[in-house]
Amino acid sequence: MGETVPLPTHLEVARDVSGHCGPLVSVEQEWLLAHKIAPWMGERSLPLWLPLPEYAGFNSRTSSAARAAGLVTRPLDETLADTLVWEIAMGSGRPRRAGLCDNDERALLQELAA
């Protein structure tokens, strides 16, 4: 548990860490739900996305109590960099229990571009 950061900030740090320079695509949450994209976790999901207003404030709690109790946090960029190293080592083609598979992501992006 680290500092609370808005999703756009998290994505910016992730792009910096990974070297991603392609475009970001933004869609309305109704479009995601209509295309059976699950929030947060599970198959065909977008991790870190939660529909509003149902989940407003879900990630707004601070970690100050945990830090006061002795928890040491790492900067987001270090955590994401280590996660990327692990992800590459595990192999990109393996099945996952969360997120979109490459084919689903491509199909959704093609539909948006049409």
PDB file of N, CA and C in Angstrom:
ATOM      1  N   MET A   1       0.850  -1.164   0.000  1.00  0.00           N
ATOM      2  CA  MET A   1       0.000   0.000   0.000  1.00  0.00           C
ATOM      3  C   MET A   1       0.895   1.226   0.000  1.00  0.00           C
ATOM      4  N   GLY A   2       0.766   2.015  -1.013  1.00  0.00           N
ATOM      5  CA  GLY A   2       1.569   3.229  -1.102  1.00  0.00           C
ATOM      6  C   GLY A   2       0.689   4.456  -1.051  1.00  0.00           C
ATOM      7  N   GLU A   3       1.229   5.534  -1.531  1.00  0.00           N
ATOM      8  CA  GLU A   3       0.456   6.764  -1.589  1.00  0.00           C
ATOM      9  C   GLU A   3      -0.703   6.607  -2.577  1.00  0.00           C
ATOM     10  N   THR A   4      -1.823   7.225  -2.275  1.00  0.00           N
ATOM     11  CA  THR A   4      -2.951   7.225  -3.189  1.00  0.00           C
ATOM     12  C   THR A   4      -2.640   8.171  -4.343  1.00  0.00           C
ATOM     13  N   VAL A   5      -2.764   7.652  -5.564  1.00  0.00           N
ATOM     14  CA  VAL A   5      -2.534   8.487  -6.743  1.00  0.00           C
ATOM     15  C   VAL A   5      -3.719   8.327  -7.686  1.00  0.00           C
ATOM     16  N   PRO A   6      -4.095   9.383  -8.375  1.00  0.00           N
ATOM     17  CA  PRO A   6      -5.175   9.266  -9.362  1.00  0.00           C
ATOM     18  C   PRO A   6      -4.764   8.320 -10.497  1.00  0.00           C
ATOM     19  N   LEU A   7      -5.750   7.686 -11.118  1.00  0.00           N
ATOM     20  CA  LEU A   7      -5.472   6.754 -12.208  1.00  0.00           C
ATOM     21  C   LEU A   7      -4.633   7.385 -13.320  1.00  0.00           C
ATOM     22  N   PRO A   8      -4.933   8.619 -13.761  1.00  0.00           N
ATOM     23  CA  PRO A   8      -4.081   9.203 -14.815  1.00  0.00           C
ATOM     24  C   PRO A   8      -2.610   9.302 -14.404  1.00  0.00           C
ATOM     25  N   THR A   9      -2.350   9.589 -13.147  1.00  0.00           N
ATOM     26  CA  THR A   9      -0.964   9.658 -12.657  1.00  0.00           C
ATOM     27  C   THR A   9      -0.339   8.278 -12.674  1.00  0.00           C
ATOM     28  N   HIS A  10      -1.079   7.281 -12.225  1.00  0.00           N
ATOM     29  CA  HIS A  10      -0.581   5.902 -12.230  1.00  0.00           C
ATOM     30  C   HIS A  10      -0.232   5.478 -13.657  1.00  0.00           C
ATOM     31  N   LEU A  11      -1.119   5.779 -14.601  1.00  0.00           N
ATOM     32  CA  LEU A  11      -0.863   5.411 -15.997  1.00  0.00           C
ATOM     33  C   LEU A  11       0.349   6.144 -16.556  1.00  0.00           C
ATOM     34  N   GLU A  12       0.520   7.394 -16.183  1.00  0.00           N
ATOM     35  CA  GLU A  12       1.686   8.159 -16.644  1.00  0.00           C
ATOM     36  C   GLU A  12       2.982   7.536 -16.126  1.00  0.00           C
ATOM     37  N   VAL A  13       3.000   7.149 -14.860  1.00  0.00           N
ATOM     38  CA  VAL A  13       4.190   6.506 -14.292  1.00  0.00           C
ATOM     39  C   VAL A  13       4.430   5.167 -14.993  1.00  0.00           C
ATOM     40  N   ALA A  14       3.371   4.405 -15.225  1.00  0.00           N
ATOM     41  CA  ALA A  14       3.514   3.108 -15.904  1.00  0.00           C
ATOM     42  C   ALA A  14       4.067   3.289 -17.314  1.00  0.00           C
ATOM     43  N   ARG A  15       3.602   4.300 -18.020  1.00  0.00           N
ATOM     44  CA  ARG A  15       4.116   4.575 -19.368  1.00  0.00           C
ATOM     45  C   ARG A  15       5.596   4.938 -19.313  1.00  0.00           C
ATOM     46  N   ASP A  16       5.977   5.759 -18.351  1.00  0.00           N
ATOM     47  CA  ASP A  16       7.385   6.140 -18.217  1.00  0.00           C
ATOM     48  C   ASP A  16       8.260   4.920 -17.936  1.00  0.00           C
ATOM     49  N   VAL A  17       7.818   4.080 -17.007  1.00  0.00           N
ATOM     50  CA  VAL A  17       8.604   2.901 -16.613  1.00  0.00           C
ATOM     51  C   VAL A  17       8.746   1.929 -17.776  1.00  0.00           C
ATOM     52  N   SER A  18       7.661   1.741 -18.537  1.00  0.00           N
ATOM     53  CA  SER A  18       7.685   0.741 -19.610  1.00  0.00           C
ATOM     54  C   SER A  18       8.224   1.283 -20.922  1.00  0.00           C
ATOM     55  N   GLY A  19       8.359   2.600 -21.019  1.00  0.00           N
ATOM     56  CA  GLY A  19       8.804   3.189 -22.275  1.00  0.00           C
ATOM     57  C   GLY A  19       7.699   3.279 -23.311  1.00  0.00           C
ATOM     58  N   HIS A  20       6.451   3.148 -22.883  1.00  0.00           N
ATOM     59  CA  HIS A  20       5.325   3.214 -23.819  1.00  0.00           C
ATOM     60  C   HIS A  20       5.138   4.642 -24.300  1.00  0.00           C
ATOM     61  N   CYS A  21       5.081   4.815 -25.621  1.00  0.00           N
ATOM     62  CA  CYS A  21       4.896   6.156 -26.174  1.00  0.00           C
ATOM     63  C   CYS A  21       3.721   6.208 -27.138  1.00  0.00           C
ATOM     64  N   GLY A  22       2.961   5.126 -27.188  1.00  0.00           N
ATOM     65  CA  GLY A  22       1.791   5.101 -28.051  1.00  0.00           C
ATOM     66  C   GLY A  22       0.643   5.887 -27.453  1.00  0.00           C
ATOM     67  N   PRO A  23      -0.448   5.961 -28.195  1.00  0.00           N
ATOM     68  CA  PRO A  23      -1.585   6.742 -27.702  1.00  0.00           C
ATOM     69  C   PRO A  23      -2.309   6.033 -26.558  1.00  0.00           C
ATOM     70  N   LEU A  24      -2.943   6.826 -25.714  1.00  0.00           N
ATOM     71  CA  LEU A  24      -3.865   6.296 -24.717  1.00  0.00           C
ATOM     72  C   LEU A  24      -5.263   6.390 -25.296  1.00  0.00           C
ATOM     73  N   VAL A  25      -6.081   5.409 -24.991  1.00  0.00           N
ATOM     74  CA  VAL A  25      -7.447   5.390 -25.492  1.00  0.00           C
ATOM     75  C   VAL A  25      -8.381   5.499 -24.300  1.00  0.00           C
ATOM     76  N   SER A  26      -9.281   6.443 -24.381  1.00  0.00           N
ATOM     77  CA  SER A  26     -10.243   6.652 -23.313  1.00  0.00           C
ATOM     78  C   SER A  26     -11.642   6.372 -23.838  1.00  0.00           C
ATOM     79  N   VAL A  27     -12.411   5.627 -23.064  1.00  0.00           N
ATOM     80  CA  VAL A  27     -13.797   5.336 -23.440  1.00  0.00           C
ATOM     81  C   VAL A  27     -14.684   5.544 -22.218  1.00  0.00           C
ATOM     82  N   GLU A  28     -15.952   5.721 -22.461  1.00  0.00           N
ATOM     83  CA  GLU A  28     -16.921   5.853 -21.386  1.00  0.00           C
ATOM     84  C   GLU A  28     -17.132   4.498 -20.718  1.00  0.00           C
ATOM     85  N   GLN A  29     -17.404   4.527 -19.435  1.00  0.00           N
ATOM     86  CA  GLN A  29     -17.590   3.269 -18.713  1.00  0.00           C
ATOM     87  C   GLN A  29     -18.790   2.481 -19.238  1.00  0.00           C
ATOM     88  N   GLU A  30     -19.781   3.154 -19.775  1.00  0.00           N
ATOM     89  CA  GLU A  30     -20.927   2.452 -20.347  1.00  0.00           C
ATOM     90  C   GLU A  30     -20.502   1.603 -21.552  1.00  0.00           C
ATOM     91  N   TRP A  31     -19.543   2.112 -22.330  1.00  0.00           N
ATOM     92  CA  TRP A  31     -19.031   1.356 -23.477  1.00  0.00           C
ATOM     93  C   TRP A  31     -18.334   0.086 -22.986  1.00  0.00           C
ATOM     94  N   LEU A  32     -17.530   0.221 -21.932  1.00  0.00           N
ATOM     95  CA  LEU A  32     -16.846  -0.950 -21.382  1.00  0.00           C
ATOM     96  C   LEU A  32     -17.847  -1.982 -20.883  1.00  0.00           C
ATOM     97  N   LEU A  33     -18.830  -1.525 -20.136  1.00  0.00           N
ATOM     98  CA  LEU A  33     -19.839  -2.447 -19.598  1.00  0.00           C
ATOM     99  C   LEU A  33     -20.639  -3.105 -20.722  1.00  0.00           C
ATOM    100  N   ALA A  34     -20.977  -2.339 -21.768  1.00  0.00           N
ATOM    101  CA  ALA A  34     -21.719  -2.900 -22.901  1.00  0.00           C
ATOM    102  C   ALA A  34     -20.904  -3.964 -23.628  1.00  0.00           C
ATOM    103  N   HIS A  35     -19.575  -3.872 -23.550  1.00  0.00           N
ATOM    104  CA  HIS A  35     -18.697  -4.850 -24.193  1.00  0.00           C
ATOM    105  C   HIS A  35     -18.229  -5.931 -23.219  1.00  0.00           C
ATOM    106  N   LYS A  36     -18.930  -6.018 -22.095  1.00  0.00           N
ATOM    107  CA  LYS A  36     -18.689  -7.057 -21.089  1.00  0.00           C
ATOM    108  C   LYS A  36     -17.257  -7.048 -20.551  1.00  0.00           C
ATOM    109  N   ILE A  37     -16.732  -5.822 -20.352  1.00  0.00           N
ATOM    110  CA  ILE A  37     -15.429  -5.663 -19.717  1.00  0.00           C
ATOM    111  C   ILE A  37     -15.685  -5.508 -18.229  1.00  0.00           C
ATOM    112  N   ALA A  38     -15.085  -6.375 -17.438  1.00  0.00           N
ATOM    113  CA  ALA A  38     -15.300  -6.348 -15.991  1.00  0.00           C
ATOM    114  C   ALA A  38     -14.395  -5.310 -15.338  1.00  0.00           C
ATOM    115  N   PRO A  39     -14.891  -4.652 -14.317  1.00  0.00           N
ATOM    116  CA  PRO A  39     -14.021  -3.742 -13.571  1.00  0.00           C
ATOM    117  C   PRO A  39     -13.125  -4.514 -12.613  1.00  0.00           C
ATOM    118  N   TRP A  40     -11.990  -3.930 -12.302  1.00  0.00           N
ATOM    119  CA  TRP A  40     -11.092  -4.309 -11.220  1.00  0.00           C
ATOM    120  C   TRP A  40     -10.310  -5.590 -11.457  1.00  0.00           C
ATOM    121  N   MET A  41     -10.987  -6.754 -11.588  1.00  0.00           N
ATOM    122  CA  MET A  41     -10.245  -8.009 -11.685  1.00  0.00           C
ATOM    123  C   MET A  41     -11.079  -9.069 -12.383  1.00  0.00           C
ATOM    124  N   GLY A  42     -10.440 -10.161 -12.698  1.00  0.00           N
ATOM    125  CA  GLY A  42     -11.103 -11.274 -13.345  1.00  0.00           C
ATOM    126  C   GLY A  42     -10.861 -11.266 -14.842  1.00  0.00           C
ATOM    127  N   GLU A  43     -11.380 -12.292 -15.489  1.00  0.00           N
ATOM    128  CA  GLU A  43     -11.222 -12.397 -16.935  1.00  0.00           C
ATOM    129  C   GLU A  43     -11.913 -11.226 -17.619  1.00  0.00           C
ATOM    130  N   ARG A  44     -11.342 -10.785 -18.736  1.00  0.00           N
ATOM    131  CA  ARG A  44     -11.863  -9.654 -19.522  1.00  0.00           C
ATOM    132  C   ARG A  44     -12.111  -8.440 -18.627  1.00  0.00           C
ATOM    133  N   SER A  45     -11.109  -8.084 -17.857  1.00  0.00           N
ATOM    134  CA  SER A  45     -11.239  -6.955 -16.940  1.00  0.00           C
ATOM    135  C   SER A  45     -10.221  -5.872 -17.261  1.00  0.00           C
ATOM    136  N   LEU A  46     -10.474  -4.708 -16.702  1.00  0.00           N
ATOM    137  CA  LEU A  46      -9.505  -3.620 -16.713  1.00  0.00           C
ATOM    138  C   LEU A  46      -9.115  -3.359 -15.265  1.00  0.00           C
ATOM    139  N   PRO A  47      -7.998  -3.922 -14.830  1.00  0.00           N
ATOM    140  CA  PRO A  47      -7.550  -3.672 -13.457  1.00  0.00           C
ATOM    141  C   PRO A  47      -7.384  -2.179 -13.212  1.00  0.00           C
ATOM    142  N   LEU A  48      -7.708  -1.749 -12.038  1.00  0.00           N
ATOM    143  CA  LEU A  48      -7.660  -0.360 -11.557  1.00  0.00           C
ATOM    144  C   LEU A  48      -8.892   0.449 -11.966  1.00  0.00           C
ATOM    145  N   TRP A  49      -9.735  -0.054 -12.869  1.00  0.00           N
ATOM    146  CA  TRP A  49     -10.947   0.672 -13.247  1.00  0.00           C
ATOM    147  C   TRP A  49     -12.103   0.199 -12.382  1.00  0.00           C
ATOM    148  N   LEU A  50     -12.823   1.149 -11.811  1.00  0.00           N
ATOM    149  CA  LEU A  50     -14.039   0.865 -11.058  1.00  0.00           C
ATOM    150  C   LEU A  50     -15.131   1.819 -11.533  1.00  0.00           C
ATOM    151  N   PRO A  51     -16.322   1.308 -11.820  1.00  0.00           N
ATOM    152  CA  PRO A  51     -17.399   2.162 -12.304  1.00  0.00           C
ATOM    153  C   PRO A  51     -17.846   3.178 -11.245  1.00  0.00           C
ATOM    154  N   LEU A  52     -18.222   4.346 -11.756  1.00  0.00           N
ATOM    155  CA  LEU A  52     -18.769   5.400 -10.895  1.00  0.00           C
ATOM    156  C   LEU A  52     -20.266   5.521 -11.184  1.00  0.00           C
ATOM    157  N   PRO A  53     -21.060   5.861 -10.225  1.00  0.00           N
ATOM    158  CA  PRO A  53     -20.721   6.328  -8.883  1.00  0.00           C
ATOM    159  C   PRO A  53     -20.606   5.224  -7.840  1.00  0.00           C
ATOM    160  N   GLU A  54     -20.889   3.964  -8.227  1.00  0.00           N
ATOM    161  CA  GLU A  54     -20.926   2.885  -7.233  1.00  0.00           C
ATOM    162  C   GLU A  54     -19.657   2.788  -6.387  1.00  0.00           C
ATOM    163  N   TYR A  55     -18.506   3.008  -7.006  1.00  0.00           N
ATOM    164  CA  TYR A  55     -17.240   2.806  -6.311  1.00  0.00           C
ATOM    165  C   TYR A  55     -16.509   4.114  -6.017  1.00  0.00           C
ATOM    166  N   ALA A  56     -17.202   5.217  -6.052  1.00  0.00           N
ATOM    167  CA  ALA A  56     -16.571   6.509  -5.753  1.00  0.00           C
ATOM    168  C   ALA A  56     -15.914   6.455  -4.376  1.00  0.00           C
ATOM    169  N   GLY A  57     -14.685   6.857  -4.309  1.00  0.00           N
ATOM    170  CA  GLY A  57     -13.958   6.876  -3.040  1.00  0.00           C
ATOM    171  C   GLY A  57     -13.309   5.567  -2.651  1.00  0.00           C
ATOM    172  N   PHE A  58     -13.447   4.529  -3.474  1.00  0.00           N
ATOM    173  CA  PHE A  58     -12.918   3.204  -3.128  1.00  0.00           C
ATOM    174  C   PHE A  58     -11.426   3.247  -2.801  1.00  0.00           C
ATOM    175  N   ASN A  59     -10.653   3.982  -3.562  1.00  0.00           N
ATOM    176  CA  ASN A  59      -9.206   4.044  -3.340  1.00  0.00           C
ATOM    177  C   ASN A  59      -8.760   5.348  -2.689  1.00  0.00           C
ATOM    178  N   SER A  60      -9.653   6.006  -2.009  1.00  0.00           N
ATOM    179  CA  SER A  60      -9.295   7.310  -1.458  1.00  0.00           C
ATOM    180  C   SER A  60      -8.724   7.240  -0.040  1.00  0.00           C
ATOM    181  N   ARG A  61      -8.706   6.085   0.551  1.00  0.00           N
ATOM    182  CA  ARG A  61      -8.145   5.958   1.897  1.00  0.00           C
ATOM    183  C   ARG A  61      -6.633   6.103   1.828  1.00  0.00           C
ATOM    184  N   THR A  62      -6.087   6.759   2.797  1.00  0.00           N
ATOM    185  CA  THR A  62      -4.638   6.931   2.824  1.00  0.00           C
ATOM    186  C   THR A  62      -3.994   5.749   3.538  1.00  0.00           C
ATOM    187  N   SER A  63      -2.720   5.614   3.352  1.00  0.00           N
ATOM    188  CA  SER A  63      -1.969   4.561   4.039  1.00  0.00           C
ATOM    189  C   SER A  63      -1.225   5.127   5.242  1.00  0.00           C
ATOM    190  N   SER A  64      -1.621   6.305   5.704  1.00  0.00           N
ATOM    191  CA  SER A  64      -0.907   6.963   6.802  1.00  0.00           C
ATOM    192  C   SER A  64      -0.913   6.127   8.079  1.00  0.00           C
ATOM    193  N   ALA A  65      -2.006   5.453   8.391  1.00  0.00           N
ATOM    194  CA  ALA A  65      -2.049   4.627   9.606  1.00  0.00           C
ATOM    195  C   ALA A  65      -1.070   3.458   9.498  1.00  0.00           C
ATOM    196  N   ALA A  66      -1.011   2.843   8.323  1.00  0.00           N
ATOM    197  CA  ALA A  66      -0.076   1.725   8.130  1.00  0.00           C
ATOM    198  C   ALA A  66       1.370   2.206   8.231  1.00  0.00           C
ATOM    199  N   ARG A  67       1.647   3.361   7.642  1.00  0.00           N
ATOM    200  CA  ARG A  67       3.012   3.905   7.728  1.00  0.00           C
ATOM    201  C   ARG A  67       3.354   4.298   9.165  1.00  0.00           C
ATOM    202  N   ALA A  68       2.378   4.838   9.892  1.00  0.00           N
ATOM    203  CA  ALA A  68       2.603   5.193  11.290  1.00  0.00           C
ATOM    204  C   ALA A  68       2.900   3.951  12.129  1.00  0.00           C
ATOM    205  N   ALA A  69       2.358   2.805  11.702  1.00  0.00           N
ATOM    206  CA  ALA A  69       2.595   1.548  12.417  1.00  0.00           C
ATOM    207  C   ALA A  69       3.885   0.872  11.986  1.00  0.00           C
ATOM    208  N   GLY A  70       4.618   1.490  11.039  1.00  0.00           N
ATOM    209  CA  GLY A  70       5.915   0.951  10.651  1.00  0.00           C
ATOM    210  C   GLY A  70       6.016   0.398   9.246  1.00  0.00           C
ATOM    211  N   LEU A  71       4.923   0.360   8.496  1.00  0.00           N
ATOM    212  CA  LEU A  71       4.984  -0.127   7.121  1.00  0.00           C
ATOM    213  C   LEU A  71       5.868   0.800   6.295  1.00  0.00           C
ATOM    214  N   VAL A  72       6.746   0.213   5.532  1.00  0.00           N
ATOM    215  CA  VAL A  72       7.616   0.986   4.654  1.00  0.00           C
ATOM    216  C   VAL A  72       7.104   0.787   3.231  1.00  0.00           C
ATOM    217  N   THR A  73       6.839   1.880   2.553  1.00  0.00           N
ATOM    218  CA  THR A  73       6.338   1.790   1.180  1.00  0.00           C
ATOM    219  C   THR A  73       7.449   2.119   0.191  1.00  0.00           C
ATOM    220  N   ARG A  74       7.243   1.669  -1.034  1.00  0.00           N
ATOM    221  CA  ARG A  74       8.194   1.960  -2.103  1.00  0.00           C
ATOM    222  C   ARG A  74       7.543   2.915  -3.080  1.00  0.00           C
ATOM    223  N   PRO A  75       8.341   3.658  -3.791  1.00  0.00           N
ATOM    224  CA  PRO A  75       7.769   4.522  -4.830  1.00  0.00           C
ATOM    225  C   PRO A  75       7.083   3.679  -5.909  1.00  0.00           C
ATOM    226  N   LEU A  76       6.018   4.229  -6.473  1.00  0.00           N
ATOM    227  CA  LEU A  76       5.251   3.532  -7.501  1.00  0.00           C
ATOM    228  C   LEU A  76       6.127   3.115  -8.668  1.00  0.00           C
ATOM    229  N   ASP A  77       7.045   3.967  -9.094  1.00  0.00           N
ATOM    230  CA  ASP A  77       7.876   3.613 -10.257  1.00  0.00           C
ATOM    231  C   ASP A  77       8.737   2.384  -9.983  1.00  0.00           C
ATOM    232  N   GLU A  78       9.240   2.233  -8.757  1.00  0.00           N
ATOM    233  CA  GLU A  78      10.035   1.031  -8.413  1.00  0.00           C
ATOM    234  C   GLU A  78       9.160  -0.215  -8.440  1.00  0.00           C
ATOM    235  N   THR A  79       7.974  -0.118  -7.881  1.00  0.00           N
ATOM    236  CA  THR A  79       7.062  -1.262  -7.858  1.00  0.00           C
ATOM    237  C   THR A  79       6.687  -1.679  -9.273  1.00  0.00           C
ATOM    238  N   LEU A  80       6.359  -0.709 -10.113  1.00  0.00           N
ATOM    239  CA  LEU A  80       5.986  -1.026 -11.494  1.00  0.00           C
ATOM    240  C   LEU A  80       7.165  -1.580 -12.286  1.00  0.00           C
ATOM    241  N   ALA A  81       8.356  -1.053 -12.065  1.00  0.00           N
ATOM    242  CA  ALA A  81       9.543  -1.555 -12.767  1.00  0.00           C
ATOM    243  C   ALA A  81       9.815  -3.010 -12.380  1.00  0.00           C
ATOM    244  N   ASP A  82       9.736  -3.320 -11.088  1.00  0.00           N
ATOM    245  CA  ASP A  82       9.955  -4.699 -10.645  1.00  0.00           C
ATOM    246  C   ASP A  82       8.868  -5.632 -11.173  1.00  0.00           C
ATOM    247  N   THR A  83       7.635  -5.147 -11.212  1.00  0.00           N
ATOM    248  CA  THR A  83       6.534  -5.955 -11.740  1.00  0.00           C
ATOM    249  C   THR A  83       6.733  -6.226 -13.224  1.00  0.00           C
ATOM    250  N   LEU A  84       7.211  -5.241 -13.959  1.00  0.00           N
ATOM    251  CA  LEU A  84       7.476  -5.427 -15.386  1.00  0.00           C
ATOM    252  C   LEU A  84       8.576  -6.455 -15.609  1.00  0.00           C
ATOM    253  N   VAL A  85       9.637  -6.409 -14.825  1.00  0.00           N
ATOM    254  CA  VAL A  85      10.711  -7.403 -14.926  1.00  0.00           C
ATOM    255  C   VAL A  85      10.150  -8.804 -14.672  1.00  0.00           C
ATOM    256  N   TRP A  86       9.321  -8.923 -13.636  1.00  0.00           N
ATOM    257  CA  TRP A  86       8.710 -10.217 -13.306  1.00  0.00           C
ATOM    258  C   TRP A  86       7.804 -10.680 -14.442  1.00  0.00           C
ATOM    259  N   GLU A  87       6.982  -9.779 -14.967  1.00  0.00           N
ATOM    260  CA  GLU A  87       6.053 -10.117 -16.046  1.00  0.00           C
ATOM    261  C   GLU A  87       6.798 -10.625 -17.278  1.00  0.00           C
ATOM    262  N   ILE A  88       7.870  -9.975 -17.642  1.00  0.00           N
ATOM    263  CA  ILE A  88       8.673 -10.398 -18.794  1.00  0.00           C
ATOM    264  C   ILE A  88       9.295 -11.764 -18.538  1.00  0.00           C
ATOM    265  N   ALA A  89       9.801 -11.976 -17.329  1.00  0.00           N
ATOM    266  CA  ALA A  89      10.416 -13.259 -16.985  1.00  0.00           C
ATOM    267  C   ALA A  89       9.398 -14.402 -17.017  1.00  0.00           C
ATOM    268  N   MET A  90       8.142 -14.122 -16.656  1.00  0.00           N
ATOM    269  CA  MET A  90       7.105 -15.151 -16.637  1.00  0.00           C
ATOM    270  C   MET A  90       6.630 -15.511 -18.048  1.00  0.00           C
ATOM    271  N   GLY A  91       6.844 -14.613 -19.001  1.00  0.00           N
ATOM    272  CA  GLY A  91       6.427 -14.877 -20.377  1.00  0.00           C
ATOM    273  C   GLY A  91       5.111 -14.198 -20.704  1.00  0.00           C
ATOM    274  N   SER A  92       5.097 -13.488 -21.796  1.00  0.00           N
ATOM    275  CA  SER A  92       3.919 -12.691 -22.124  1.00  0.00           C
ATOM    276  C   SER A  92       2.753 -13.498 -22.675  1.00  0.00           C
ATOM    277  N   GLY A  93       2.991 -14.700 -23.170  1.00  0.00           N
ATOM    278  CA  GLY A  93       1.924 -15.465 -23.811  1.00  0.00           C
ATOM    279  C   GLY A  93       1.105 -16.339 -22.888  1.00  0.00           C
ATOM    280  N   ARG A  94       1.412 -16.338 -21.621  1.00  0.00           N
ATOM    281  CA  ARG A  94       0.712 -17.245 -20.707  1.00  0.00           C
ATOM    282  C   ARG A  94      -0.711 -16.758 -20.402  1.00  0.00           C
ATOM    283  N   PRO A  95      -1.605 -17.679 -20.084  1.00  0.00           N
ATOM    284  CA  PRO A  95      -2.965 -17.265 -19.703  1.00  0.00           C
ATOM    285  C   PRO A  95      -2.939 -16.514 -18.372  1.00  0.00           C
ATOM    286  N   ARG A  96      -3.847 -15.575 -18.243  1.00  0.00           N
ATOM    287  CA  ARG A  96      -3.936 -14.789 -17.009  1.00  0.00           C
ATOM    288  C   ARG A  96      -5.352 -14.851 -16.460  1.00  0.00           C
ATOM    289  N   ARG A  97      -5.485 -14.549 -15.190  1.00  0.00           N
ATOM    290  CA  ARG A  97      -6.801 -14.545 -14.553  1.00  0.00           C
ATOM    291  C   ARG A  97      -7.399 -13.146 -14.468  1.00  0.00           C
ATOM    292  N   ALA A  98      -6.687 -12.157 -14.979  1.00  0.00           N
ATOM    293  CA  ALA A  98      -7.196 -10.783 -14.954  1.00  0.00           C
ATOM    294  C   ALA A  98      -6.686 -10.044 -16.173  1.00  0.00           C
ATOM    295  N   GLY A  99      -7.414  -9.011 -16.554  1.00  0.00           N
ATOM    296  CA  GLY A  99      -7.013  -8.190 -17.684  1.00  0.00           C
ATOM    297  C   GLY A  99      -7.613  -8.691 -18.982  1.00  0.00           C
ATOM    298  N   LEU A 100      -7.188  -8.060 -20.052  1.00  0.00           N
ATOM    299  CA  LEU A 100      -7.636  -8.434 -21.387  1.00  0.00           C
ATOM    300  C   LEU A 100      -6.536  -9.218 -22.083  1.00  0.00           C
ATOM    301  N   CYS A 101      -6.903 -10.277 -22.798  1.00  0.00           N
ATOM    302  CA  CYS A 101      -5.903 -10.975 -23.607  1.00  0.00           C
ATOM    303  C   CYS A 101      -5.605 -10.083 -24.818  1.00  0.00           C
ATOM    304  N   ASP A 102      -4.500 -10.334 -25.466  1.00  0.00           N
ATOM    305  CA  ASP A 102      -4.080  -9.516 -26.605  1.00  0.00           C
ATOM    306  C   ASP A 102      -5.164  -9.444 -27.685  1.00  0.00           C
ATOM    307  N   ASN A 103      -5.791 -10.591 -27.989  1.00  0.00           N
ATOM    308  CA  ASN A 103      -6.808 -10.611 -29.045  1.00  0.00           C
ATOM    309  C   ASN A 103      -8.011  -9.754 -28.677  1.00  0.00           C
ATOM    310  N   ASP A 104      -8.471  -9.833 -27.424  1.00  0.00           N
ATOM    311  CA  ASP A 104      -9.594  -8.994 -26.990  1.00  0.00           C
ATOM    312  C   ASP A 104      -9.237  -7.519 -27.075  1.00  0.00           C
ATOM    313  N   GLU A 105      -8.046  -7.172 -26.620  1.00  0.00           N
ATOM    314  CA  GLU A 105      -7.630  -5.770 -26.646  1.00  0.00           C
ATOM    315  C   GLU A 105      -7.571  -5.252 -28.080  1.00  0.00           C
ATOM    316  N   ARG A 106      -6.987  -6.031 -28.961  1.00  0.00           N
ATOM    317  CA  ARG A 106      -6.905  -5.622 -30.373  1.00  0.00           C
ATOM    318  C   ARG A 106      -8.292  -5.426 -30.979  1.00  0.00           C
ATOM    319  N   ALA A 107      -9.199  -6.375 -30.715  1.00  0.00           N
ATOM    320  CA  ALA A 107     -10.553  -6.286 -31.270  1.00  0.00           C
ATOM    321  C   ALA A 107     -11.287  -5.060 -30.745  1.00  0.00           C
ATOM    322  N   LEU A 108     -11.140  -4.770 -29.480  1.00  0.00           N
ATOM    323  CA  LEU A 108     -11.788  -3.583 -28.907  1.00  0.00           C
ATOM    324  C   LEU A 108     -11.222  -2.296 -29.493  1.00  0.00           C
ATOM    325  N   LEU A 109      -9.907  -2.252 -29.645  1.00  0.00           N
ATOM    326  CA  LEU A 109      -9.277  -1.061 -30.227  1.00  0.00           C
ATOM    327  C   LEU A 109      -9.693  -0.882 -31.684  1.00  0.00           C
ATOM    328  N   GLN A 110      -9.796  -1.978 -32.427  1.00  0.00           N
ATOM    329  CA  GLN A 110     -10.243  -1.889 -33.824  1.00  0.00           C
ATOM    330  C   GLN A 110     -11.668  -1.365 -33.915  1.00  0.00           C
ATOM    331  N   GLU A 111     -12.519  -1.817 -32.996  1.00  0.00           N
ATOM    332  CA  GLU A 111     -13.899  -1.339 -32.997  1.00  0.00           C
ATOM    333  C   GLU A 111     -13.948   0.156 -32.697  1.00  0.00           C
ATOM    334  N   LEU A 112     -13.142   0.597 -31.760  1.00  0.00           N
ATOM    335  CA  LEU A 112     -13.102   2.028 -31.434  1.00  0.00           C
ATOM    336  C   LEU A 112     -12.613   2.861 -32.613  1.00  0.00           C
ATOM    337  N   ALA A 113     -11.654   2.343 -33.336  1.00  0.00           N
ATOM    338  CA  ALA A 113     -11.067   3.080 -34.453  1.00  0.00           C
ATOM    339  C   ALA A 113     -12.012   3.139 -35.655  1.00  0.00           C
ATOM    340  N   ALA A 114     -12.943   2.200 -35.729  1.00  0.00           N
ATOM    341  CA  ALA A 114     -13.855   2.135 -36.894  1.00  0.00           C
ATOM    342  C   ALA A 114     -14.875   3.262 -36.890  1.00  0.00           C
TER     343      ALA A 114
END
